[in-house]
Amino acid sequence: MVLEFHEMFKNAGAQYLESPVIGSVMPARNGQLTILVSGNEEAYRIILPYLQRLGKRIFYFKEPGKATKLKLINNFVLGAFMVAIGEAVALGEKAGIEKSELIEILENGAGNSIVLKAKKEKLLTEDFSTHFSVKNLLKDLTYAYELAKSVRKPVFLNAQVKELYSMAFSRGLKMRTSQLSTSS
C-alpha cells in the first residue's frame, strides 16, 4: 500500500514520505530511534530537522517502498532473534541452568545482540509489559513473507517464525514478544 500512497499523493500534487522507525519505547522517549525514509528528496530535506529530533540515525532512500521493505526485514530478524533467545532460555532452564547465568553466557558468546541487551532485564525479571505486541510483529512477519513471495525468494525461517507468532497470537498471547521465552 505504501507504493499506492506515493502514487496517490503524487497525483494530487503532493509528496508522500514513508518513514518507519526502528526502536522501542525507550529509544522513542530519548530521541534515539533509527528512522528509515523513502520518497522525494526535496520533501525529505524539508522534514529532516523534525526527524532529527526523533532519531539518532536517519537513513534516506529515494526509491519509494524501500524504507518499508527494510523495516519488514529488520522485524523479521527481531522475531527470529526473540524466538532463538526464548527457546535458548527455556532449554537452559529445563536443563537446570539458571536464567541469569545462561543470559550472561549468551551475552559473551554467539547470542550477543542488541535484542538480547534490550530484553535482558525484562527476561530476568519476567516483565512482559507491552512494548511491541505479538500482533504487530505477526503483521510485519506476514508482510515480510508476502514481500519474499513477490520477489520469488524462499524464506524458510521467516515462515517458521511467522507461524510461531501466529500460534502465540491465536492462543491469546498479545503481550510483548519476550513472554514467548517462558510460554514455550
N, C-alpha and C. Protein backbone atom coordinates (compact mmCIF):
# COMPACT_ATOMS: atom_id res chain seq x y z
N MET A 1 0.82 -1.20 0.00
CA MET A 1 0.00 0.00 0.00
C MET A 1 0.86 1.26 0.00
N VAL A 2 2.08 1.14 0.50
CA VAL A 2 2.96 2.30 0.56
C VAL A 2 3.17 2.87 -0.84
N LEU A 3 3.37 1.99 -1.81
CA LEU A 3 3.56 2.45 -3.18
C LEU A 3 2.32 3.16 -3.70
N GLU A 4 1.14 2.68 -3.30
CA GLU A 4 -0.11 3.34 -3.67
C GLU A 4 -0.19 4.73 -3.06
N PHE A 5 0.27 4.87 -1.81
CA PHE A 5 0.26 6.18 -1.16
C PHE A 5 1.17 7.15 -1.91
N HIS A 6 2.37 6.70 -2.27
CA HIS A 6 3.28 7.55 -3.03
C HIS A 6 2.59 8.05 -4.30
N GLU A 7 1.96 7.15 -5.03
CA GLU A 7 1.30 7.49 -6.30
C GLU A 7 0.11 8.41 -6.07
N MET A 8 -0.69 8.12 -5.07
CA MET A 8 -1.88 8.92 -4.78
C MET A 8 -1.49 10.37 -4.45
N PHE A 9 -0.48 10.55 -3.62
CA PHE A 9 -0.05 11.89 -3.26
C PHE A 9 0.56 12.61 -4.46
N LYS A 10 1.34 11.89 -5.25
CA LYS A 10 1.95 12.47 -6.46
C LYS A 10 0.87 12.97 -7.41
N ASN A 11 -0.19 12.16 -7.60
CA ASN A 11 -1.29 12.54 -8.48
C ASN A 11 -2.06 13.75 -7.95
N ALA A 12 -2.01 13.96 -6.64
CA ALA A 12 -2.69 15.11 -6.03
C ALA A 12 -1.77 16.33 -5.95
N GLY A 13 -0.55 16.21 -6.49
CA GLY A 13 0.37 17.34 -6.47
C GLY A 13 1.10 17.51 -5.15
N ALA A 14 1.14 16.45 -4.36
CA ALA A 14 1.81 16.49 -3.05
C ALA A 14 2.90 15.42 -3.01
N GLN A 15 3.61 15.38 -1.91
CA GLN A 15 4.66 14.39 -1.73
C GLN A 15 4.33 13.52 -0.51
N TYR A 16 4.65 12.26 -0.63
CA TYR A 16 4.46 11.32 0.48
C TYR A 16 5.83 10.75 0.84
N LEU A 17 6.14 10.78 2.11
CA LEU A 17 7.37 10.16 2.61
C LEU A 17 6.98 9.07 3.58
N GLU A 18 7.45 7.89 3.34
CA GLU A 18 7.26 6.83 4.31
C GLU A 18 8.45 6.92 5.27
N SER A 19 8.20 6.74 6.53
CA SER A 19 9.31 6.85 7.49
C SER A 19 9.09 5.92 8.69
N PRO A 20 9.16 4.61 8.44
CA PRO A 20 9.06 3.68 9.57
C PRO A 20 10.27 3.83 10.49
N VAL A 21 10.05 3.49 11.73
CA VAL A 21 11.11 3.63 12.73
C VAL A 21 11.55 2.26 13.25
N ILE A 22 12.79 2.21 13.68
CA ILE A 22 13.34 1.04 14.34
C ILE A 22 13.69 1.48 15.75
N GLY A 23 13.17 0.77 16.71
CA GLY A 23 13.40 1.11 18.11
C GLY A 23 12.12 0.91 18.88
N SER A 24 12.24 0.95 20.18
CA SER A 24 11.10 0.68 21.03
C SER A 24 10.76 1.92 21.85
N VAL A 25 10.07 1.71 22.93
CA VAL A 25 9.57 2.81 23.75
C VAL A 25 10.69 3.69 24.29
N MET A 26 11.71 3.09 24.88
CA MET A 26 12.78 3.90 25.48
C MET A 26 13.56 4.69 24.43
N PRO A 27 13.97 4.10 23.32
CA PRO A 27 14.63 4.92 22.29
C PRO A 27 13.72 6.05 21.78
N ALA A 28 12.42 5.80 21.71
CA ALA A 28 11.50 6.85 21.26
C ALA A 28 11.47 7.99 22.27
N ARG A 29 11.40 7.65 23.54
CA ARG A 29 11.37 8.68 24.59
C ARG A 29 12.63 9.52 24.60
N ASN A 30 13.75 8.90 24.25
CA ASN A 30 15.05 9.58 24.31
C ASN A 30 15.51 10.15 22.97
N GLY A 31 14.64 10.12 21.97
CA GLY A 31 15.02 10.63 20.65
C GLY A 31 16.12 9.81 20.01
N GLN A 32 16.14 8.51 20.28
CA GLN A 32 17.21 7.63 19.81
C GLN A 32 16.74 6.61 18.78
N LEU A 33 15.62 6.86 18.14
CA LEU A 33 15.12 5.92 17.14
C LEU A 33 16.02 5.92 15.91
N THR A 34 15.94 4.85 15.15
CA THR A 34 16.51 4.82 13.81
C THR A 34 15.32 5.00 12.87
N ILE A 35 15.45 5.95 11.96
CA ILE A 35 14.34 6.28 11.07
C ILE A 35 14.76 5.97 9.64
N LEU A 36 13.91 5.25 8.94
CA LEU A 36 14.12 4.91 7.55
C LEU A 36 13.14 5.74 6.72
N VAL A 37 13.64 6.45 5.73
CA VAL A 37 12.78 7.35 4.96
C VAL A 37 12.93 7.05 3.47
N SER A 38 11.80 6.97 2.78
CA SER A 38 11.79 6.81 1.32
C SER A 38 10.86 7.84 0.71
N GLY A 39 11.27 8.37 -0.42
CA GLY A 39 10.41 9.29 -1.15
C GLY A 39 11.19 10.45 -1.76
N ASN A 40 10.48 11.49 -2.07
CA ASN A 40 11.03 12.67 -2.73
C ASN A 40 12.11 13.33 -1.89
N GLU A 41 13.27 13.59 -2.51
CA GLU A 41 14.41 14.15 -1.78
C GLU A 41 14.15 15.57 -1.27
N GLU A 42 13.47 16.38 -2.05
CA GLU A 42 13.17 17.75 -1.63
C GLU A 42 12.28 17.74 -0.38
N ALA A 43 11.26 16.89 -0.39
CA ALA A 43 10.38 16.77 0.77
C ALA A 43 11.16 16.27 1.98
N TYR A 44 12.07 15.32 1.73
CA TYR A 44 12.90 14.79 2.81
C TYR A 44 13.73 15.90 3.45
N ARG A 45 14.34 16.75 2.65
CA ARG A 45 15.18 17.83 3.19
C ARG A 45 14.36 18.80 4.05
N ILE A 46 13.11 18.99 3.67
CA ILE A 46 12.24 19.90 4.43
C ILE A 46 11.94 19.32 5.82
N ILE A 47 11.68 18.03 5.89
CA ILE A 47 11.29 17.44 7.19
C ILE A 47 12.47 16.92 7.99
N LEU A 48 13.66 16.90 7.42
CA LEU A 48 14.83 16.36 8.11
C LEU A 48 15.04 16.95 9.51
N PRO A 49 14.94 18.26 9.71
CA PRO A 49 15.14 18.79 11.08
C PRO A 49 14.17 18.19 12.11
N TYR A 50 12.97 17.89 11.69
CA TYR A 50 11.99 17.29 12.59
C TYR A 50 12.34 15.83 12.89
N LEU A 51 12.77 15.14 11.85
CA LEU A 51 13.19 13.75 12.05
C LEU A 51 14.39 13.66 12.98
N GLN A 52 15.29 14.62 12.88
CA GLN A 52 16.49 14.61 13.72
C GLN A 52 16.15 14.77 15.20
N ARG A 53 15.01 15.32 15.52
CA ARG A 53 14.58 15.42 16.92
C ARG A 53 14.13 14.06 17.46
N LEU A 54 13.67 13.21 16.55
CA LEU A 54 13.14 11.90 16.95
C LEU A 54 14.16 10.79 16.89
N GLY A 55 15.13 10.92 15.99
CA GLY A 55 16.03 9.79 15.75
C GLY A 55 17.49 10.15 15.84
N LYS A 56 18.28 9.14 16.19
CA LYS A 56 19.73 9.33 16.23
C LYS A 56 20.36 8.97 14.89
N ARG A 57 19.74 8.04 14.17
CA ARG A 57 20.21 7.63 12.85
C ARG A 57 19.05 7.75 11.88
N ILE A 58 19.30 8.40 10.77
CA ILE A 58 18.28 8.55 9.75
C ILE A 58 18.88 8.08 8.44
N PHE A 59 18.19 7.15 7.81
CA PHE A 59 18.62 6.61 6.52
C PHE A 59 17.62 7.06 5.46
N TYR A 60 18.12 7.68 4.41
CA TYR A 60 17.25 8.16 3.35
C TYR A 60 17.45 7.33 2.08
N PHE A 61 16.34 6.99 1.44
CA PHE A 61 16.34 6.25 0.18
C PHE A 61 15.36 6.93 -0.76
N LYS A 62 15.78 7.20 -1.98
CA LYS A 62 14.88 7.81 -2.96
C LYS A 62 13.77 6.86 -3.37
N GLU A 63 14.10 5.59 -3.49
CA GLU A 63 13.17 4.60 -4.03
C GLU A 63 11.94 4.41 -3.13
N PRO A 64 10.76 4.75 -3.62
CA PRO A 64 9.55 4.52 -2.82
C PRO A 64 9.41 3.05 -2.45
N GLY A 65 9.06 2.80 -1.22
CA GLY A 65 8.86 1.44 -0.73
C GLY A 65 10.08 0.82 -0.08
N LYS A 66 11.26 1.36 -0.34
CA LYS A 66 12.47 0.74 0.19
C LYS A 66 12.54 0.80 1.72
N ALA A 67 12.15 1.93 2.31
CA ALA A 67 12.19 2.05 3.78
C ALA A 67 11.28 1.00 4.43
N THR A 68 10.12 0.81 3.85
CA THR A 68 9.18 -0.17 4.40
C THR A 68 9.73 -1.59 4.25
N LYS A 69 10.31 -1.90 3.11
CA LYS A 69 10.91 -3.22 2.92
C LYS A 69 11.99 -3.47 3.96
N LEU A 70 12.84 -2.47 4.19
CA LEU A 70 13.91 -2.62 5.18
C LEU A 70 13.37 -2.80 6.59
N LYS A 71 12.31 -2.09 6.92
CA LYS A 71 11.68 -2.23 8.24
C LYS A 71 11.13 -3.65 8.42
N LEU A 72 10.49 -4.18 7.39
CA LEU A 72 9.94 -5.53 7.47
C LEU A 72 11.03 -6.57 7.63
N ILE A 73 12.12 -6.41 6.90
CA ILE A 73 13.24 -7.35 7.02
C ILE A 73 13.87 -7.23 8.40
N ASN A 74 14.00 -6.02 8.91
CA ASN A 74 14.54 -5.83 10.27
C ASN A 74 13.65 -6.53 11.30
N ASN A 75 12.34 -6.40 11.16
CA ASN A 75 11.45 -7.02 12.14
C ASN A 75 11.39 -8.54 12.00
N PHE A 76 11.67 -9.04 10.81
CA PHE A 76 11.84 -10.49 10.66
C PHE A 76 13.02 -10.95 11.51
N VAL A 77 14.13 -10.22 11.44
CA VAL A 77 15.31 -10.58 12.24
C VAL A 77 14.98 -10.47 13.73
N LEU A 78 14.26 -9.42 14.12
CA LEU A 78 13.84 -9.27 15.53
C LEU A 78 13.04 -10.49 15.97
N GLY A 79 12.05 -10.88 15.18
CA GLY A 79 11.22 -12.04 15.54
C GLY A 79 12.04 -13.31 15.66
N ALA A 80 12.96 -13.52 14.71
CA ALA A 80 13.80 -14.71 14.74
C ALA A 80 14.72 -14.70 15.97
N PHE A 81 15.30 -13.55 16.28
CA PHE A 81 16.15 -13.44 17.47
C PHE A 81 15.35 -13.75 18.73
N MET A 82 14.14 -13.20 18.83
CA MET A 82 13.34 -13.43 20.03
C MET A 82 12.96 -14.90 20.17
N VAL A 83 12.66 -15.56 19.07
CA VAL A 83 12.38 -16.99 19.13
C VAL A 83 13.62 -17.74 19.60
N ALA A 84 14.78 -17.41 19.02
CA ALA A 84 16.03 -18.08 19.40
C ALA A 84 16.35 -17.84 20.88
N ILE A 85 16.23 -16.61 21.33
CA ILE A 85 16.52 -16.29 22.73
C ILE A 85 15.52 -17.01 23.64
N GLY A 86 14.25 -16.97 23.28
CA GLY A 86 13.22 -17.63 24.09
C GLY A 86 13.45 -19.12 24.20
N GLU A 87 13.75 -19.77 23.07
CA GLU A 87 14.00 -21.21 23.11
C GLU A 87 15.27 -21.53 23.88
N ALA A 88 16.30 -20.70 23.74
CA ALA A 88 17.55 -20.92 24.47
C ALA A 88 17.32 -20.82 25.97
N VAL A 89 16.58 -19.80 26.41
CA VAL A 89 16.30 -19.63 27.83
C VAL A 89 15.46 -20.78 28.35
N ALA A 90 14.42 -21.16 27.60
CA ALA A 90 13.57 -22.27 28.03
C ALA A 90 14.36 -23.58 28.11
N LEU A 91 15.22 -23.82 27.12
CA LEU A 91 16.06 -25.03 27.12
C LEU A 91 17.01 -25.01 28.31
N GLY A 92 17.66 -23.88 28.52
CA GLY A 92 18.59 -23.75 29.64
C GLY A 92 17.91 -24.02 30.97
N GLU A 93 16.74 -23.42 31.19
CA GLU A 93 16.02 -23.64 32.44
C GLU A 93 15.63 -25.11 32.60
N LYS A 94 15.16 -25.71 31.53
CA LYS A 94 14.76 -27.12 31.59
C LYS A 94 15.97 -28.02 31.88
N ALA A 95 17.16 -27.60 31.42
CA ALA A 95 18.39 -28.36 31.64
C ALA A 95 19.04 -28.02 32.98
N GLY A 96 18.36 -27.21 33.81
CA GLY A 96 18.87 -26.90 35.14
C GLY A 96 19.85 -25.74 35.19
N ILE A 97 19.89 -24.92 34.18
CA ILE A 97 20.80 -23.77 34.16
C ILE A 97 20.02 -22.53 34.58
N GLU A 98 20.58 -21.80 35.52
CA GLU A 98 19.92 -20.58 35.99
C GLU A 98 19.87 -19.56 34.86
N LYS A 99 18.71 -18.90 34.74
CA LYS A 99 18.48 -17.96 33.66
C LYS A 99 19.54 -16.86 33.60
N SER A 100 19.90 -16.30 34.73
CA SER A 100 20.89 -15.21 34.73
C SER A 100 22.25 -15.69 34.23
N GLU A 101 22.61 -16.90 34.61
CA GLU A 101 23.88 -17.47 34.16
C GLU A 101 23.86 -17.70 32.64
N LEU A 102 22.78 -18.25 32.16
CA LEU A 102 22.65 -18.50 30.73
C LEU A 102 22.72 -17.20 29.93
N ILE A 103 21.99 -16.20 30.37
CA ILE A 103 21.98 -14.93 29.65
C ILE A 103 23.36 -14.29 29.64
N GLU A 104 24.08 -14.41 30.76
CA GLU A 104 25.44 -13.87 30.81
C GLU A 104 26.34 -14.58 29.78
N ILE A 105 26.20 -15.88 29.66
CA ILE A 105 27.00 -16.62 28.67
C ILE A 105 26.58 -16.20 27.26
N LEU A 106 25.29 -16.09 27.00
CA LEU A 106 24.83 -15.66 25.67
C LEU A 106 25.37 -14.28 25.32
N GLU A 107 25.41 -13.40 26.32
CA GLU A 107 25.94 -12.04 26.09
C GLU A 107 27.42 -12.06 25.69
N ASN A 108 28.11 -13.06 26.12
CA ASN A 108 29.54 -13.15 25.84
C ASN A 108 29.87 -14.18 24.78
N GLY A 109 28.85 -14.64 24.10
CA GLY A 109 29.05 -15.63 23.05
C GLY A 109 28.23 -15.30 21.83
N ALA A 110 27.80 -16.32 21.13
CA ALA A 110 27.09 -16.16 19.86
C ALA A 110 25.73 -15.48 20.03
N GLY A 111 25.18 -15.49 21.20
CA GLY A 111 23.87 -14.86 21.43
C GLY A 111 23.91 -13.37 21.65
N ASN A 112 25.11 -12.80 21.70
CA ASN A 112 25.23 -11.37 21.95
C ASN A 112 24.59 -10.59 20.82
N SER A 113 23.64 -9.74 21.16
CA SER A 113 22.95 -8.94 20.16
C SER A 113 22.30 -7.75 20.83
N ILE A 114 21.93 -6.78 20.03
CA ILE A 114 21.21 -5.63 20.55
C ILE A 114 19.85 -6.07 21.12
N VAL A 115 19.28 -7.11 20.53
CA VAL A 115 17.99 -7.62 21.01
C VAL A 115 18.16 -8.19 22.42
N LEU A 116 19.18 -9.00 22.64
CA LEU A 116 19.40 -9.57 23.96
C LEU A 116 19.69 -8.46 24.98
N LYS A 117 20.51 -7.49 24.60
CA LYS A 117 20.79 -6.38 25.51
C LYS A 117 19.51 -5.64 25.89
N ALA A 118 18.65 -5.41 24.91
CA ALA A 118 17.41 -4.67 25.16
C ALA A 118 16.43 -5.47 26.02
N LYS A 119 16.45 -6.77 25.90
CA LYS A 119 15.46 -7.62 26.59
C LYS A 119 15.99 -8.27 27.85
N LYS A 120 17.27 -8.14 28.14
CA LYS A 120 17.90 -8.85 29.25
C LYS A 120 17.15 -8.66 30.57
N GLU A 121 16.98 -7.45 31.02
CA GLU A 121 16.34 -7.22 32.32
C GLU A 121 14.90 -7.70 32.33
N LYS A 122 14.21 -7.52 31.22
CA LYS A 122 12.83 -7.98 31.12
C LYS A 122 12.76 -9.50 31.21
N LEU A 123 13.71 -10.20 30.57
CA LEU A 123 13.75 -11.66 30.67
C LEU A 123 14.06 -12.11 32.09
N LEU A 124 15.02 -11.45 32.73
CA LEU A 124 15.42 -11.85 34.08
C LEU A 124 14.30 -11.63 35.10
N THR A 125 13.57 -10.55 34.94
CA THR A 125 12.51 -10.24 35.90
C THR A 125 11.13 -10.73 35.45
N GLU A 126 11.10 -11.37 34.28
CA GLU A 126 9.85 -11.86 33.70
C GLU A 126 8.80 -10.75 33.62
N ASP A 127 9.28 -9.59 33.20
CA ASP A 127 8.41 -8.43 32.98
C ASP A 127 7.96 -8.47 31.52
N PHE A 128 6.70 -8.73 31.30
CA PHE A 128 6.19 -8.88 29.95
C PHE A 128 5.30 -7.71 29.54
N SER A 129 5.56 -6.54 30.10
CA SER A 129 4.78 -5.38 29.71
C SER A 129 4.99 -5.09 28.23
N THR A 130 3.96 -4.56 27.63
CA THR A 130 3.93 -4.38 26.19
C THR A 130 4.81 -3.23 25.73
N HIS A 131 5.67 -3.53 24.78
CA HIS A 131 6.41 -2.52 24.02
C HIS A 131 6.16 -2.74 22.54
N PHE A 132 6.14 -3.96 22.11
CA PHE A 132 5.84 -4.31 20.73
C PHE A 132 5.07 -5.61 20.80
N SER A 133 3.83 -5.57 20.39
CA SER A 133 2.94 -6.71 20.61
C SER A 133 3.20 -7.85 19.63
N VAL A 134 2.78 -9.03 20.05
CA VAL A 134 2.82 -10.21 19.19
C VAL A 134 2.00 -9.92 17.93
N LYS A 135 0.87 -9.26 18.09
CA LYS A 135 0.00 -8.93 16.96
C LYS A 135 0.74 -8.08 15.92
N ASN A 136 1.44 -7.05 16.37
CA ASN A 136 2.14 -6.19 15.43
C ASN A 136 3.34 -6.88 14.78
N LEU A 137 4.06 -7.69 15.56
CA LEU A 137 5.17 -8.41 14.97
C LEU A 137 4.66 -9.45 13.97
N LEU A 138 3.57 -10.10 14.28
CA LEU A 138 2.97 -11.05 13.34
C LEU A 138 2.58 -10.35 12.05
N LYS A 139 2.03 -9.15 12.15
CA LYS A 139 1.68 -8.37 10.96
C LYS A 139 2.92 -8.13 10.11
N ASP A 140 4.01 -7.69 10.73
CA ASP A 140 5.23 -7.41 9.98
C ASP A 140 5.85 -8.68 9.40
N LEU A 141 5.81 -9.77 10.15
CA LEU A 141 6.32 -11.04 9.64
C LEU A 141 5.51 -11.51 8.43
N THR A 142 4.22 -11.30 8.49
CA THR A 142 3.35 -11.67 7.37
C THR A 142 3.67 -10.83 6.15
N TYR A 143 3.83 -9.52 6.34
CA TYR A 143 4.18 -8.65 5.22
C TYR A 143 5.57 -8.99 4.66
N ALA A 144 6.50 -9.35 5.53
CA ALA A 144 7.84 -9.74 5.07
C ALA A 144 7.75 -11.02 4.25
N TYR A 145 6.90 -11.93 4.69
CA TYR A 145 6.69 -13.18 3.94
C TYR A 145 6.08 -12.89 2.58
N GLU A 146 5.11 -11.98 2.55
CA GLU A 146 4.49 -11.59 1.28
C GLU A 146 5.50 -10.90 0.36
N LEU A 147 6.40 -10.10 0.93
CA LEU A 147 7.46 -9.48 0.15
C LEU A 147 8.33 -10.55 -0.48
N ALA A 148 8.71 -11.53 0.31
CA ALA A 148 9.55 -12.62 -0.21
C ALA A 148 8.85 -13.37 -1.34
N LYS A 149 7.57 -13.63 -1.17
CA LYS A 149 6.82 -14.30 -2.23
C LYS A 149 6.78 -13.45 -3.49
N SER A 150 6.62 -12.14 -3.33
CA SER A 150 6.51 -11.26 -4.50
C SER A 150 7.81 -11.20 -5.30
N VAL A 151 8.94 -11.45 -4.65
CA VAL A 151 10.22 -11.44 -5.36
C VAL A 151 10.74 -12.87 -5.59
N ARG A 152 9.86 -13.83 -5.29
CA ARG A 152 10.17 -15.26 -5.52
C ARG A 152 11.43 -15.71 -4.79
N LYS A 153 11.51 -15.34 -3.51
CA LYS A 153 12.64 -15.72 -2.66
C LYS A 153 12.13 -16.56 -1.50
N PRO A 154 12.47 -17.85 -1.46
CA PRO A 154 12.05 -18.68 -0.33
C PRO A 154 12.69 -18.17 0.97
N VAL A 155 11.88 -18.06 2.00
CA VAL A 155 12.37 -17.63 3.32
C VAL A 155 11.83 -18.61 4.37
N PHE A 156 12.51 -19.72 4.49
CA PHE A 156 12.05 -20.80 5.35
C PHE A 156 11.97 -20.38 6.81
N LEU A 157 12.98 -19.70 7.31
CA LEU A 157 12.97 -19.28 8.71
C LEU A 157 11.85 -18.29 8.97
N ASN A 158 11.67 -17.33 8.06
CA ASN A 158 10.58 -16.36 8.23
C ASN A 158 9.25 -17.10 8.33
N ALA A 159 9.04 -18.10 7.47
CA ALA A 159 7.78 -18.85 7.50
C ALA A 159 7.57 -19.52 8.85
N GLN A 160 8.63 -20.14 9.39
CA GLN A 160 8.51 -20.81 10.69
C GLN A 160 8.27 -19.81 11.82
N VAL A 161 9.02 -18.73 11.82
CA VAL A 161 8.87 -17.71 12.86
C VAL A 161 7.47 -17.11 12.79
N LYS A 162 7.00 -16.82 11.59
CA LYS A 162 5.65 -16.27 11.40
C LYS A 162 4.61 -17.23 11.98
N GLU A 163 4.76 -18.51 11.72
CA GLU A 163 3.79 -19.49 12.24
C GLU A 163 3.85 -19.59 13.76
N LEU A 164 5.02 -19.47 14.35
CA LEU A 164 5.12 -19.48 15.82
C LEU A 164 4.39 -18.28 16.43
N TYR A 165 4.59 -17.12 15.85
CA TYR A 165 3.89 -15.93 16.35
C TYR A 165 2.39 -16.02 16.07
N SER A 166 2.02 -16.64 14.97
CA SER A 166 0.61 -16.84 14.67
C SER A 166 -0.03 -17.74 15.72
N MET A 167 0.69 -18.80 16.10
CA MET A 167 0.20 -19.70 17.14
C MET A 167 0.07 -18.96 18.47
N ALA A 168 1.07 -18.18 18.81
CA ALA A 168 1.03 -17.42 20.06
C ALA A 168 -0.16 -16.46 20.07
N PHE A 169 -0.36 -15.78 18.96
CA PHE A 169 -1.48 -14.84 18.87
C PHE A 169 -2.82 -15.56 18.97
N SER A 170 -2.93 -16.71 18.29
CA SER A 170 -4.20 -17.46 18.33
C SER A 170 -4.50 -17.99 19.73
N ARG A 171 -3.45 -18.16 20.53
CA ARG A 171 -3.64 -18.61 21.92
C ARG A 171 -3.88 -17.45 22.88
N GLY A 172 -4.01 -16.26 22.32
CA GLY A 172 -4.32 -15.10 23.15
C GLY A 172 -3.11 -14.41 23.73
N LEU A 173 -1.91 -14.78 23.29
CA LEU A 173 -0.71 -14.11 23.79
C LEU A 173 -0.49 -12.85 22.97
N LYS A 174 -0.87 -11.72 23.54
CA LYS A 174 -0.80 -10.47 22.80
C LYS A 174 0.23 -9.52 23.39
N MET A 175 0.98 -10.03 24.36
CA MET A 175 1.97 -9.22 25.05
C MET A 175 3.23 -9.11 24.23
N ARG A 176 4.20 -8.48 24.82
CA ARG A 176 5.48 -8.31 24.17
C ARG A 176 6.11 -9.65 23.86
N THR A 177 6.89 -9.67 22.81
CA THR A 177 7.46 -10.91 22.29
C THR A 177 8.33 -11.63 23.29
N SER A 178 8.92 -10.98 24.27
CA SER A 178 9.81 -11.67 25.18
C SER A 178 9.06 -12.65 26.08
N GLN A 179 7.74 -12.55 26.18
CA GLN A 179 7.00 -13.51 27.00
C GLN A 179 7.05 -14.90 26.39
N LEU A 180 7.35 -14.98 25.12
CA LEU A 180 7.41 -16.29 24.49
C LEU A 180 8.46 -17.18 25.14
N SER A 181 9.46 -16.59 25.77
CA SER A 181 10.53 -17.40 26.37
C SER A 181 10.00 -18.26 27.51
N THR A 182 9.08 -17.75 28.27
CA THR A 182 8.58 -18.54 29.39
C THR A 182 7.31 -19.26 29.05
N SER A 183 6.72 -18.93 27.89
CA SER A 183 5.49 -19.61 27.49
C SER A 183 5.79 -20.82 26.62
N SER A 184 7.02 -20.96 26.16
CA SER A 184 7.38 -22.03 25.23
C SER A 184 7.29 -23.38 25.88
